[in-house]
Every structure is written in C-alpha cells, then in structure tokens.
Amino acid sequence: MSYLRIATHPGIFSAPLSPREAAGNVRALLSLPHVRAVSERDDFMAAYARVVGDVTVRGNLVPDAHVATILFQHGVRTLYTRDADFLKFPVLDVRDPFSTRG
C-alpha cells in the first residue's frame, strides 16, 4: 500500500504511475517465489505501542508507524529507506540505500 501511495503520487513524481501500473508492479513482485507479503499479527496494538514508544504519531507518521510495527512483528530489524521518519522508531536499524558511507 505504501508503494501504491508513493508511486502514484503527483506531488512526488512529475509523471507518477497510474494506479493500474503501480498495482501491476506489486503483483509482479509478489509473484516471485522468494517474496512474501507481511501483515499485522495478533496483538498488533501492543506491538504498535512498543514500536512508537514516546513518539507522538499523527498525520503522515501514522502509515510509517504502521509499517514499522508490521516489520517489527515479523522480526525485520533493518530497513533500507531514504525516509528519515523511520529513524524515530528505535526498534529499526534504518539505512540509506544510497549512502556512500561504508
């Protein structure tokens, strides 16, 4: 869902993908044998409380906290992203995939 939101957003891209194109990309990715979709598990709200800690989550930070919590519930601790908002969640080791630092 985050990909669909970003890839189709005209405020982010001068030529965003159409919803059909973006959904096609997601379907293609999910059809790969080594890819699986993850979603909320039981006790999501307890995990959410742990992930957000003392961070005030509102507005645009809500979907990031949602994604961070799903990752946390599935044991994913490293996230490669340029979105600095994820640095607010100490349960994640956030790395910039375009960083030139070793």
PDB file of N, CA and C in Angstrom:
ATOM      1  N   MET A   1       0.816  -1.188   0.000  1.00  0.00           N
ATOM      2  CA  MET A   1       0.000   0.000   0.000  1.00  0.00           C
ATOM      3  C   MET A   1       0.863   1.255   0.000  1.00  0.00           C
ATOM      4  N   SER A   2       1.970   1.204   0.738  1.00  0.00           N
ATOM      5  CA  SER A   2       2.859   2.369   0.761  1.00  0.00           C
ATOM      6  C   SER A   2       3.439   2.626  -0.629  1.00  0.00           C
ATOM      7  N   TYR A   3       3.811   1.553  -1.313  1.00  0.00           N
ATOM      8  CA  TYR A   3       4.323   1.709  -2.667  1.00  0.00           C
ATOM      9  C   TYR A   3       3.265   2.340  -3.573  1.00  0.00           C
ATOM     10  N   LEU A   4       2.041   1.842  -3.494  1.00  0.00           N
ATOM     11  CA  LEU A   4       0.973   2.394  -4.329  1.00  0.00           C
ATOM     12  C   LEU A   4       0.773   3.873  -4.037  1.00  0.00           C
ATOM     13  N   ARG A   5       0.811   4.244  -2.768  1.00  0.00           N
ATOM     14  CA  ARG A   5       0.635   5.635  -2.369  1.00  0.00           C
ATOM     15  C   ARG A   5       1.715   6.516  -2.972  1.00  0.00           C
ATOM     16  N   ILE A   6       2.959   6.065  -2.881  1.00  0.00           N
ATOM     17  CA  ILE A   6       4.082   6.882  -3.342  1.00  0.00           C
ATOM     18  C   ILE A   6       4.208   6.870  -4.861  1.00  0.00           C
ATOM     19  N   ALA A   7       4.123   5.709  -5.479  1.00  0.00           N
ATOM     20  CA  ALA A   7       4.346   5.590  -6.929  1.00  0.00           C
ATOM     21  C   ALA A   7       3.299   6.320  -7.759  1.00  0.00           C
ATOM     22  N   THR A   8       2.112   6.520  -7.187  1.00  0.00           N
ATOM     23  CA  THR A   8       1.037   7.182  -7.932  1.00  0.00           C
ATOM     24  C   THR A   8       0.849   8.645  -7.527  1.00  0.00           C
ATOM     25  N   HIS A   9       1.701   9.144  -6.654  1.00  0.00           N
ATOM     26  CA  HIS A   9       1.525  10.480  -6.083  1.00  0.00           C
ATOM     27  C   HIS A   9       2.083  11.570  -7.003  1.00  0.00           C
ATOM     28  N   PRO A  10       1.222  12.452  -7.512  1.00  0.00           N
ATOM     29  CA  PRO A  10       1.706  13.508  -8.408  1.00  0.00           C
ATOM     30  C   PRO A  10       2.537  14.570  -7.707  1.00  0.00           C
ATOM     31  N   GLY A  11       2.479  14.630  -6.394  1.00  0.00           N
ATOM     32  CA  GLY A  11       3.311  15.568  -5.655  1.00  0.00           C
ATOM     33  C   GLY A  11       4.729  15.064  -5.452  1.00  0.00           C
ATOM     34  N   ILE A  12       4.944  13.783  -5.709  1.00  0.00           N
ATOM     35  CA  ILE A  12       6.269  13.183  -5.549  1.00  0.00           C
ATOM     36  C   ILE A  12       6.958  13.022  -6.898  1.00  0.00           C
ATOM     37  N   PHE A  13       6.196  12.593  -7.897  1.00  0.00           N
ATOM     38  CA  PHE A  13       6.751  12.360  -9.236  1.00  0.00           C
ATOM     39  C   PHE A  13       6.078  13.270 -10.255  1.00  0.00           C
ATOM     40  N   SER A  14       6.865  13.780 -11.172  1.00  0.00           N
ATOM     41  CA  SER A  14       6.275  14.607 -12.227  1.00  0.00           C
ATOM     42  C   SER A  14       5.432  13.757 -13.179  1.00  0.00           C
ATOM     43  N   ALA A  15       5.776  12.493 -13.295  1.00  0.00           N
ATOM     44  CA  ALA A  15       4.991  11.562 -14.120  1.00  0.00           C
ATOM     45  C   ALA A  15       4.725  10.306 -13.287  1.00  0.00           C
ATOM     46  N   PRO A  16       3.811  10.380 -12.322  1.00  0.00           N
ATOM     47  CA  PRO A  16       3.558   9.214 -11.479  1.00  0.00           C
ATOM     48  C   PRO A  16       2.952   8.062 -12.268  1.00  0.00           C
ATOM     49  N   LEU A  17       3.085   6.877 -11.723  1.00  0.00           N
ATOM     50  CA  LEU A  17       2.467   5.712 -12.352  1.00  0.00           C
ATOM     51  C   LEU A  17       0.953   5.803 -12.205  1.00  0.00           C
ATOM     52  N   SER A  18       0.269   5.183 -13.138  1.00  0.00           N
ATOM     53  CA  SER A  18      -1.178   5.067 -12.983  1.00  0.00           C
ATOM     54  C   SER A  18      -1.431   4.022 -11.901  1.00  0.00           C
ATOM     55  N   PRO A  19      -2.598   4.051 -11.265  1.00  0.00           N
ATOM     56  CA  PRO A  19      -2.895   3.014 -10.278  1.00  0.00           C
ATOM     57  C   PRO A  19      -2.775   1.609 -10.860  1.00  0.00           C
ATOM     58  N   ARG A  20      -3.171   1.436 -12.106  1.00  0.00           N
ATOM     59  CA  ARG A  20      -3.065   0.119 -12.751  1.00  0.00           C
ATOM     60  C   ARG A  20      -1.607  -0.312 -12.906  1.00  0.00           C
ATOM     61  N   GLU A  21      -0.744   0.622 -13.337  1.00  0.00           N
ATOM     62  CA  GLU A  21       0.679   0.296 -13.495  1.00  0.00           C
ATOM     63  C   GLU A  21       1.314  -0.056 -12.148  1.00  0.00           C
ATOM     64  N   ALA A  22       1.026   0.746 -11.142  1.00  0.00           N
ATOM     65  CA  ALA A  22       1.608   0.505  -9.823  1.00  0.00           C
ATOM     66  C   ALA A  22       1.139  -0.836  -9.260  1.00  0.00           C
ATOM     67  N   ALA A  23      -0.145  -1.133  -9.387  1.00  0.00           N
ATOM     68  CA  ALA A  23      -0.678  -2.413  -8.909  1.00  0.00           C
ATOM     69  C   ALA A  23      -0.047  -3.574  -9.679  1.00  0.00           C
ATOM     70  N   GLY A  24       0.196  -3.384 -10.971  1.00  0.00           N
ATOM     71  CA  GLY A  24       0.866  -4.409 -11.774  1.00  0.00           C
ATOM     72  C   GLY A  24       2.272  -4.688 -11.264  1.00  0.00           C
ATOM     73  N   ASN A  25       2.979  -3.632 -10.858  1.00  0.00           N
ATOM     74  CA  ASN A  25       4.319  -3.819 -10.280  1.00  0.00           C
ATOM     75  C   ASN A  25       4.254  -4.638  -8.997  1.00  0.00           C
ATOM     76  N   VAL A  26       3.268  -4.354  -8.161  1.00  0.00           N
ATOM     77  CA  VAL A  26       3.115  -5.090  -6.910  1.00  0.00           C
ATOM     78  C   VAL A  26       2.794  -6.553  -7.200  1.00  0.00           C
ATOM     79  N   ARG A  27       1.875  -6.785  -8.131  1.00  0.00           N
ATOM     80  CA  ARG A  27       1.544  -8.173  -8.488  1.00  0.00           C
ATOM     81  C   ARG A  27       2.772  -8.913  -9.004  1.00  0.00           C
ATOM     82  N   ALA A  28       3.579  -8.261  -9.844  1.00  0.00           N
ATOM     83  CA  ALA A  28       4.789  -8.897 -10.380  1.00  0.00           C
ATOM     84  C   ALA A  28       5.773  -9.232  -9.262  1.00  0.00           C
ATOM     85  N   LEU A  29       5.943  -8.322  -8.331  1.00  0.00           N
ATOM     86  CA  LEU A  29       6.847  -8.562  -7.217  1.00  0.00           C
ATOM     87  C   LEU A  29       6.355  -9.720  -6.356  1.00  0.00           C
ATOM     88  N   LEU A  30       5.069  -9.718  -6.041  1.00  0.00           N
ATOM     89  CA  LEU A  30       4.518 -10.771  -5.190  1.00  0.00           C
ATOM     90  C   LEU A  30       4.478 -12.135  -5.873  1.00  0.00           C
ATOM     91  N   SER A  31       4.608 -12.165  -7.189  1.00  0.00           N
ATOM     92  CA  SER A  31       4.610 -13.447  -7.894  1.00  0.00           C
ATOM     93  C   SER A  31       5.974 -14.143  -7.826  1.00  0.00           C
ATOM     94  N   LEU A  32       6.997 -13.439  -7.373  1.00  0.00           N
ATOM     95  CA  LEU A  32       8.327 -14.041  -7.256  1.00  0.00           C
ATOM     96  C   LEU A  32       8.334 -15.048  -6.108  1.00  0.00           C
ATOM     97  N   PRO A  33       9.003 -16.181  -6.297  1.00  0.00           N
ATOM     98  CA  PRO A  33       8.940 -17.241  -5.287  1.00  0.00           C
ATOM     99  C   PRO A  33       9.577 -16.875  -3.949  1.00  0.00           C
ATOM    100  N   HIS A  34      10.506 -15.941  -3.933  1.00  0.00           N
ATOM    101  CA  HIS A  34      11.191 -15.588  -2.690  1.00  0.00           C
ATOM    102  C   HIS A  34      10.610 -14.344  -2.017  1.00  0.00           C
ATOM    103  N   VAL A  35       9.465 -13.885  -2.477  1.00  0.00           N
ATOM    104  CA  VAL A  35       8.823 -12.686  -1.919  1.00  0.00           C
ATOM    105  C   VAL A  35       7.538 -13.097  -1.216  1.00  0.00           C
ATOM    106  N   ARG A  36       7.338 -12.519  -0.055  1.00  0.00           N
ATOM    107  CA  ARG A  36       6.076 -12.749   0.636  1.00  0.00           C
ATOM    108  C   ARG A  36       5.579 -11.433   1.211  1.00  0.00           C
ATOM    109  N   ALA A  37       4.288 -11.307   1.249  1.00  0.00           N
ATOM    110  CA  ALA A  37       3.676 -10.123   1.845  1.00  0.00           C
ATOM    111  C   ALA A  37       3.526 -10.361   3.341  1.00  0.00           C
ATOM    112  N   VAL A  38       3.759  -9.331   4.110  1.00  0.00           N
ATOM    113  CA  VAL A  38       3.576  -9.421   5.555  1.00  0.00           C
ATOM    114  C   VAL A  38       2.449  -8.485   5.963  1.00  0.00           C
ATOM    115  N   SER A  39       1.796  -8.833   7.040  1.00  0.00           N
ATOM    116  CA  SER A  39       0.693  -8.002   7.514  1.00  0.00           C
ATOM    117  C   SER A  39       0.637  -8.068   9.034  1.00  0.00           C
ATOM    118  N   GLU A  40      -0.337  -7.384   9.585  1.00  0.00           N
ATOM    119  CA  GLU A  40      -0.493  -7.334  11.034  1.00  0.00           C
ATOM    120  C   GLU A  40      -0.700  -8.738  11.602  1.00  0.00           C
ATOM    121  N   ARG A  41      -0.107  -8.942  12.755  1.00  0.00           N
ATOM    122  CA  ARG A  41      -0.303 -10.190  13.501  1.00  0.00           C
ATOM    123  C   ARG A  41      -1.157  -9.885  14.735  1.00  0.00           C
ATOM    124  N   ASP A  42      -1.527 -10.961  15.432  1.00  0.00           N
ATOM    125  CA  ASP A  42      -2.261 -10.783  16.686  1.00  0.00           C
ATOM    126  C   ASP A  42      -1.473  -9.848  17.603  1.00  0.00           C
ATOM    127  N   ASP A  43      -2.168  -9.153  18.457  1.00  0.00           N
ATOM    128  CA  ASP A  43      -1.572  -8.198  19.403  1.00  0.00           C
ATOM    129  C   ASP A  43      -0.851  -7.052  18.693  1.00  0.00           C
ATOM    130  N   PHE A  44      -1.364  -6.672  17.531  1.00  0.00           N
ATOM    131  CA  PHE A  44      -0.749  -5.578  16.780  1.00  0.00           C
ATOM    132  C   PHE A  44      -0.651  -4.310  17.631  1.00  0.00           C
ATOM    133  N   MET A  45      -1.713  -3.961  18.333  1.00  0.00           N
ATOM    134  CA  MET A  45      -1.707  -2.703  19.087  1.00  0.00           C
ATOM    135  C   MET A  45      -0.681  -2.718  20.221  1.00  0.00           C
ATOM    136  N   ALA A  46      -0.432  -3.868  20.819  1.00  0.00           N
ATOM    137  CA  ALA A  46       0.616  -3.956  21.845  1.00  0.00           C
ATOM    138  C   ALA A  46       1.986  -3.740  21.202  1.00  0.00           C
ATOM    139  N   ALA A  47       2.202  -4.335  20.044  1.00  0.00           N
ATOM    140  CA  ALA A  47       3.464  -4.147  19.319  1.00  0.00           C
ATOM    141  C   ALA A  47       3.601  -2.696  18.872  1.00  0.00           C
ATOM    142  N   TYR A  48       2.494  -2.105  18.414  1.00  0.00           N
ATOM    143  CA  TYR A  48       2.488  -0.703  17.984  1.00  0.00           C
ATOM    144  C   TYR A  48       2.919   0.203  19.138  1.00  0.00           C
ATOM    145  N   ALA A  49       2.390  -0.043  20.325  1.00  0.00           N
ATOM    146  CA  ALA A  49       2.751   0.760  21.496  1.00  0.00           C
ATOM    147  C   ALA A  49       4.249   0.646  21.780  1.00  0.00           C
ATOM    148  N   ARG A  50       4.801  -0.541  21.618  1.00  0.00           N
ATOM    149  CA  ARG A  50       6.240  -0.729  21.845  1.00  0.00           C
ATOM    150  C   ARG A  50       7.063  -0.013  20.782  1.00  0.00           C
ATOM    151  N   VAL A  51       6.640  -0.119  19.527  1.00  0.00           N
ATOM    152  CA  VAL A  51       7.390   0.497  18.428  1.00  0.00           C
ATOM    153  C   VAL A  51       7.380   2.020  18.533  1.00  0.00           C
ATOM    154  N   VAL A  52       6.239   2.606  18.794  1.00  0.00           N
ATOM    155  CA  VAL A  52       6.169   4.077  18.811  1.00  0.00           C
ATOM    156  C   VAL A  52       6.719   4.663  20.104  1.00  0.00           C
ATOM    157  N   GLY A  53       6.676   3.904  21.200  1.00  0.00           N
ATOM    158  CA  GLY A  53       7.238   4.398  22.449  1.00  0.00           C
ATOM    159  C   GLY A  53       6.688   5.768  22.805  1.00  0.00           C
ATOM    160  N   ASP A  54       7.577   6.723  22.989  1.00  0.00           N
ATOM    161  CA  ASP A  54       7.193   8.083  23.362  1.00  0.00           C
ATOM    162  C   ASP A  54       7.009   9.003  22.153  1.00  0.00           C
ATOM    163  N   VAL A  55       7.110   8.458  20.958  1.00  0.00           N
ATOM    164  CA  VAL A  55       6.961   9.270  19.740  1.00  0.00           C
ATOM    165  C   VAL A  55       5.487   9.654  19.572  1.00  0.00           C
ATOM    166  N   THR A  56       5.229  10.926  19.320  1.00  0.00           N
ATOM    167  CA  THR A  56       3.869  11.365  19.020  1.00  0.00           C
ATOM    168  C   THR A  56       3.594  11.037  17.557  1.00  0.00           C
ATOM    169  N   VAL A  57       2.673  10.113  17.332  1.00  0.00           N
ATOM    170  CA  VAL A  57       2.377   9.649  15.975  1.00  0.00           C
ATOM    171  C   VAL A  57       1.045  10.239  15.536  1.00  0.00           C
ATOM    172  N   ARG A  58       1.112  11.021  14.478  1.00  0.00           N
ATOM    173  CA  ARG A  58      -0.100  11.595  13.889  1.00  0.00           C
ATOM    174  C   ARG A  58       0.195  11.959  12.439  1.00  0.00           C
ATOM    175  N   GLY A  59      -0.865  12.193  11.682  1.00  0.00           N
ATOM    176  CA  GLY A  59      -0.712  12.626  10.293  1.00  0.00           C
ATOM    177  C   GLY A  59       0.082  11.650   9.454  1.00  0.00           C
ATOM    178  N   ASN A  60       1.059  12.187   8.725  1.00  0.00           N
ATOM    179  CA  ASN A  60       1.852  11.371   7.803  1.00  0.00           C
ATOM    180  C   ASN A  60       2.727  10.331   8.497  1.00  0.00           C
ATOM    181  N   LEU A  61       2.930  10.466   9.808  1.00  0.00           N
ATOM    182  CA  LEU A  61       3.736   9.483  10.521  1.00  0.00           C
ATOM    183  C   LEU A  61       2.954   8.199  10.826  1.00  0.00           C
ATOM    184  N   VAL A  62       1.629   8.255  10.765  1.00  0.00           N
ATOM    185  CA  VAL A  62       0.799   7.082  11.069  1.00  0.00           C
ATOM    186  C   VAL A  62       1.119   5.904  10.142  1.00  0.00           C
ATOM    187  N   PRO A  63       1.136   6.088   8.805  1.00  0.00           N
ATOM    188  CA  PRO A  63       1.456   4.917   7.970  1.00  0.00           C
ATOM    189  C   PRO A  63       2.880   4.409   8.180  1.00  0.00           C
ATOM    190  N   ASP A  64       3.822   5.292   8.519  1.00  0.00           N
ATOM    191  CA  ASP A  64       5.190   4.838   8.790  1.00  0.00           C
ATOM    192  C   ASP A  64       5.231   3.999  10.065  1.00  0.00           C
ATOM    193  N   ALA A  65       4.506   4.421  11.084  1.00  0.00           N
ATOM    194  CA  ALA A  65       4.447   3.649  12.324  1.00  0.00           C
ATOM    195  C   ALA A  65       3.780   2.297  12.079  1.00  0.00           C
ATOM    196  N   HIS A  66       2.791   2.276  11.209  1.00  0.00           N
ATOM    197  CA  HIS A  66       2.111   1.026  10.848  1.00  0.00           C
ATOM    198  C   HIS A  66       3.095   0.065  10.196  1.00  0.00           C
ATOM    199  N   VAL A  67       3.832   0.561   9.205  1.00  0.00           N
ATOM    200  CA  VAL A  67       4.818  -0.276   8.517  1.00  0.00           C
ATOM    201  C   VAL A  67       5.899  -0.731   9.494  1.00  0.00           C
ATOM    202  N   ALA A  68       6.393   0.176  10.326  1.00  0.00           N
ATOM    203  CA  ALA A  68       7.439  -0.174  11.291  1.00  0.00           C
ATOM    204  C   ALA A  68       6.962  -1.277  12.230  1.00  0.00           C
ATOM    205  N   THR A  69       5.710  -1.208  12.637  1.00  0.00           N
ATOM    206  CA  THR A  69       5.174  -2.224  13.544  1.00  0.00           C
ATOM    207  C   THR A  69       5.037  -3.569  12.849  1.00  0.00           C
ATOM    208  N   ILE A  70       4.572  -3.577  11.615  1.00  0.00           N
ATOM    209  CA  ILE A  70       4.484  -4.840  10.872  1.00  0.00           C
ATOM    210  C   ILE A  70       5.870  -5.452  10.713  1.00  0.00           C
ATOM    211  N   LEU A  71       6.859  -4.641  10.370  1.00  0.00           N
ATOM    212  CA  LEU A  71       8.225  -5.153  10.254  1.00  0.00           C
ATOM    213  C   LEU A  71       8.692  -5.733  11.583  1.00  0.00           C
ATOM    214  N   PHE A  72       8.461  -4.994  12.654  1.00  0.00           N
ATOM    215  CA  PHE A  72       8.847  -5.451  13.989  1.00  0.00           C
ATOM    216  C   PHE A  72       8.187  -6.781  14.324  1.00  0.00           C
ATOM    217  N   GLN A  73       6.898  -6.913  14.048  1.00  0.00           N
ATOM    218  CA  GLN A  73       6.190  -8.160  14.351  1.00  0.00           C
ATOM    219  C   GLN A  73       6.745  -9.346  13.574  1.00  0.00           C
ATOM    220  N   HIS A  74       7.344  -9.093  12.420  1.00  0.00           N
ATOM    221  CA  HIS A  74       7.874 -10.178  11.585  1.00  0.00           C
ATOM    222  C   HIS A  74       9.383 -10.354  11.754  1.00  0.00           C
ATOM    223  N   GLY A  75       9.950  -9.667  12.742  1.00  0.00           N
ATOM    224  CA  GLY A  75      11.371  -9.854  13.031  1.00  0.00           C
ATOM    225  C   GLY A  75      12.305  -9.091  12.119  1.00  0.00           C
ATOM    226  N   VAL A  76      11.790  -8.192  11.316  1.00  0.00           N
ATOM    227  CA  VAL A  76      12.633  -7.381  10.439  1.00  0.00           C
ATOM    228  C   VAL A  76      13.149  -6.213  11.270  1.00  0.00           C
ATOM    229  N   ARG A  77      14.468  -6.094  11.370  1.00  0.00           N
ATOM    230  CA  ARG A  77      15.039  -5.018  12.178  1.00  0.00           C
ATOM    231  C   ARG A  77      15.804  -3.994  11.341  1.00  0.00           C
ATOM    232  N   THR A  78      16.159  -4.339  10.109  1.00  0.00           N
ATOM    233  CA  THR A  78      16.876  -3.407   9.245  1.00  0.00           C
ATOM    234  C   THR A  78      15.961  -2.982   8.113  1.00  0.00           C
ATOM    235  N   LEU A  79      15.858  -1.676   7.917  1.00  0.00           N
ATOM    236  CA  LEU A  79      15.033  -1.120   6.854  1.00  0.00           C
ATOM    237  C   LEU A  79      15.887  -0.193   6.008  1.00  0.00           C
ATOM    238  N   TYR A  80      15.948  -0.472   4.726  1.00  0.00           N
ATOM    239  CA  TYR A  80      16.665   0.384   3.783  1.00  0.00           C
ATOM    240  C   TYR A  80      15.673   1.365   3.186  1.00  0.00           C
ATOM    241  N   THR A  81      15.839   2.631   3.529  1.00  0.00           N
ATOM    242  CA  THR A  81      14.931   3.671   3.063  1.00  0.00           C
ATOM    243  C   THR A  81      15.611   5.025   3.159  1.00  0.00           C
ATOM    244  N   ARG A  82      15.139   5.957   2.365  1.00  0.00           N
ATOM    245  CA  ARG A  82      15.607   7.344   2.467  1.00  0.00           C
ATOM    246  C   ARG A  82      14.647   8.165   3.319  1.00  0.00           C
ATOM    247  N   ASP A  83      13.583   7.549   3.795  1.00  0.00           N
ATOM    248  CA  ASP A  83      12.582   8.234   4.599  1.00  0.00           C
ATOM    249  C   ASP A  83      13.082   8.345   6.040  1.00  0.00           C
ATOM    250  N   ALA A  84      13.546   9.529   6.403  1.00  0.00           N
ATOM    251  CA  ALA A  84      14.136   9.750   7.725  1.00  0.00           C
ATOM    252  C   ALA A  84      13.124   9.610   8.859  1.00  0.00           C
ATOM    253  N   ASP A  85      11.832   9.642   8.573  1.00  0.00           N
ATOM    254  CA  ASP A  85      10.833   9.467   9.631  1.00  0.00           C
ATOM    255  C   ASP A  85      10.986   8.133  10.341  1.00  0.00           C
ATOM    256  N   PHE A  86      11.472   7.119   9.626  1.00  0.00           N
ATOM    257  CA  PHE A  86      11.630   5.805  10.249  1.00  0.00           C
ATOM    258  C   PHE A  86      12.711   5.804  11.332  1.00  0.00           C
ATOM    259  N   LEU A  87      13.589   6.809  11.323  1.00  0.00           N
ATOM    260  CA  LEU A  87      14.604   6.928  12.370  1.00  0.00           C
ATOM    261  C   LEU A  87      13.981   7.184  13.735  1.00  0.00           C
ATOM    262  N   LYS A  88      12.742   7.599  13.770  1.00  0.00           N
ATOM    263  CA  LYS A  88      12.047   7.871  15.028  1.00  0.00           C
ATOM    264  C   LYS A  88      11.697   6.598  15.789  1.00  0.00           C
ATOM    265  N   PHE A  89      11.800   5.449  15.137  1.00  0.00           N
ATOM    266  CA  PHE A  89      11.419   4.184  15.752  1.00  0.00           C
ATOM    267  C   PHE A  89      12.678   3.379  16.073  1.00  0.00           C
ATOM    268  N   PRO A  90      13.114   3.410  17.342  1.00  0.00           N
ATOM    269  CA  PRO A  90      14.391   2.778  17.698  1.00  0.00           C
ATOM    270  C   PRO A  90      14.440   1.267  17.521  1.00  0.00           C
ATOM    271  N   VAL A  91      13.307   0.622  17.290  1.00  0.00           N
ATOM    272  CA  VAL A  91      13.336  -0.831  17.063  1.00  0.00           C
ATOM    273  C   VAL A  91      13.902  -1.170  15.687  1.00  0.00           C
ATOM    274  N   LEU A  92      14.045  -0.151  14.822  1.00  0.00           N
ATOM    275  CA  LEU A  92      14.552  -0.373  13.470  1.00  0.00           C
ATOM    276  C   LEU A  92      15.958   0.190  13.307  1.00  0.00           C
ATOM    277  N   ASP A  93      16.777  -0.531  12.579  1.00  0.00           N
ATOM    278  CA  ASP A  93      18.085  -0.044  12.136  1.00  0.00           C
ATOM    279  C   ASP A  93      17.850   0.487  10.732  1.00  0.00           C
ATOM    280  N   VAL A  94      17.741   1.798  10.599  1.00  0.00           N
ATOM    281  CA  VAL A  94      17.396   2.423   9.320  1.00  0.00           C
ATOM    282  C   VAL A  94      18.679   2.773   8.577  1.00  0.00           C
ATOM    283  N   ARG A  95      18.743   2.335   7.327  1.00  0.00           N
ATOM    284  CA  ARG A  95      19.926   2.589   6.492  1.00  0.00           C
ATOM    285  C   ARG A  95      19.503   3.200   5.166  1.00  0.00           C
ATOM    286  N   ASP A  96      20.252   4.199   4.755  1.00  0.00           N
ATOM    287  CA  ASP A  96      20.005   4.858   3.476  1.00  0.00           C
ATOM    288  C   ASP A  96      20.642   4.008   2.380  1.00  0.00           C
ATOM    289  N   PRO A  97      19.842   3.477   1.448  1.00  0.00           N
ATOM    290  CA  PRO A  97      20.413   2.605   0.416  1.00  0.00           C
ATOM    291  C   PRO A  97      21.335   3.333  -0.554  1.00  0.00           C
ATOM    292  N   PHE A  98      21.305   4.658  -0.539  1.00  0.00           N
ATOM    293  CA  PHE A  98      22.140   5.437  -1.456  1.00  0.00           C
ATOM    294  C   PHE A  98      23.316   6.092  -0.759  1.00  0.00           C
ATOM    295  N   SER A  99      23.510   5.770   0.501  1.00  0.00           N
ATOM    296  CA  SER A  99      24.621   6.335   1.267  1.00  0.00           C
ATOM    297  C   SER A  99      25.935   5.791   0.743  1.00  0.00           C
ATOM    298  N   THR A 100      26.924   6.652   0.703  1.00  0.00           N
ATOM    299  CA  THR A 100      28.250   6.226   0.260  1.00  0.00           C
ATOM    300  C   THR A 100      29.123   5.817   1.439  1.00  0.00           C
ATOM    301  N   ARG A 101      28.573   5.947   2.650  1.00  0.00           N
ATOM    302  CA  ARG A 101      29.322   5.539   3.838  1.00  0.00           C
ATOM    303  C   ARG A 101      29.294   4.024   3.964  1.00  0.00           C
ATOM    304  N   GLY A 102      30.429   3.436   4.342  1.00  0.00           N
ATOM    305  CA  GLY A 102      30.625   2.003   4.441  1.00  0.00           C
ATOM    306  C   GLY A 102      29.724   1.327   5.354  1.00  0.00           C
TER     307      GLY A 102
END
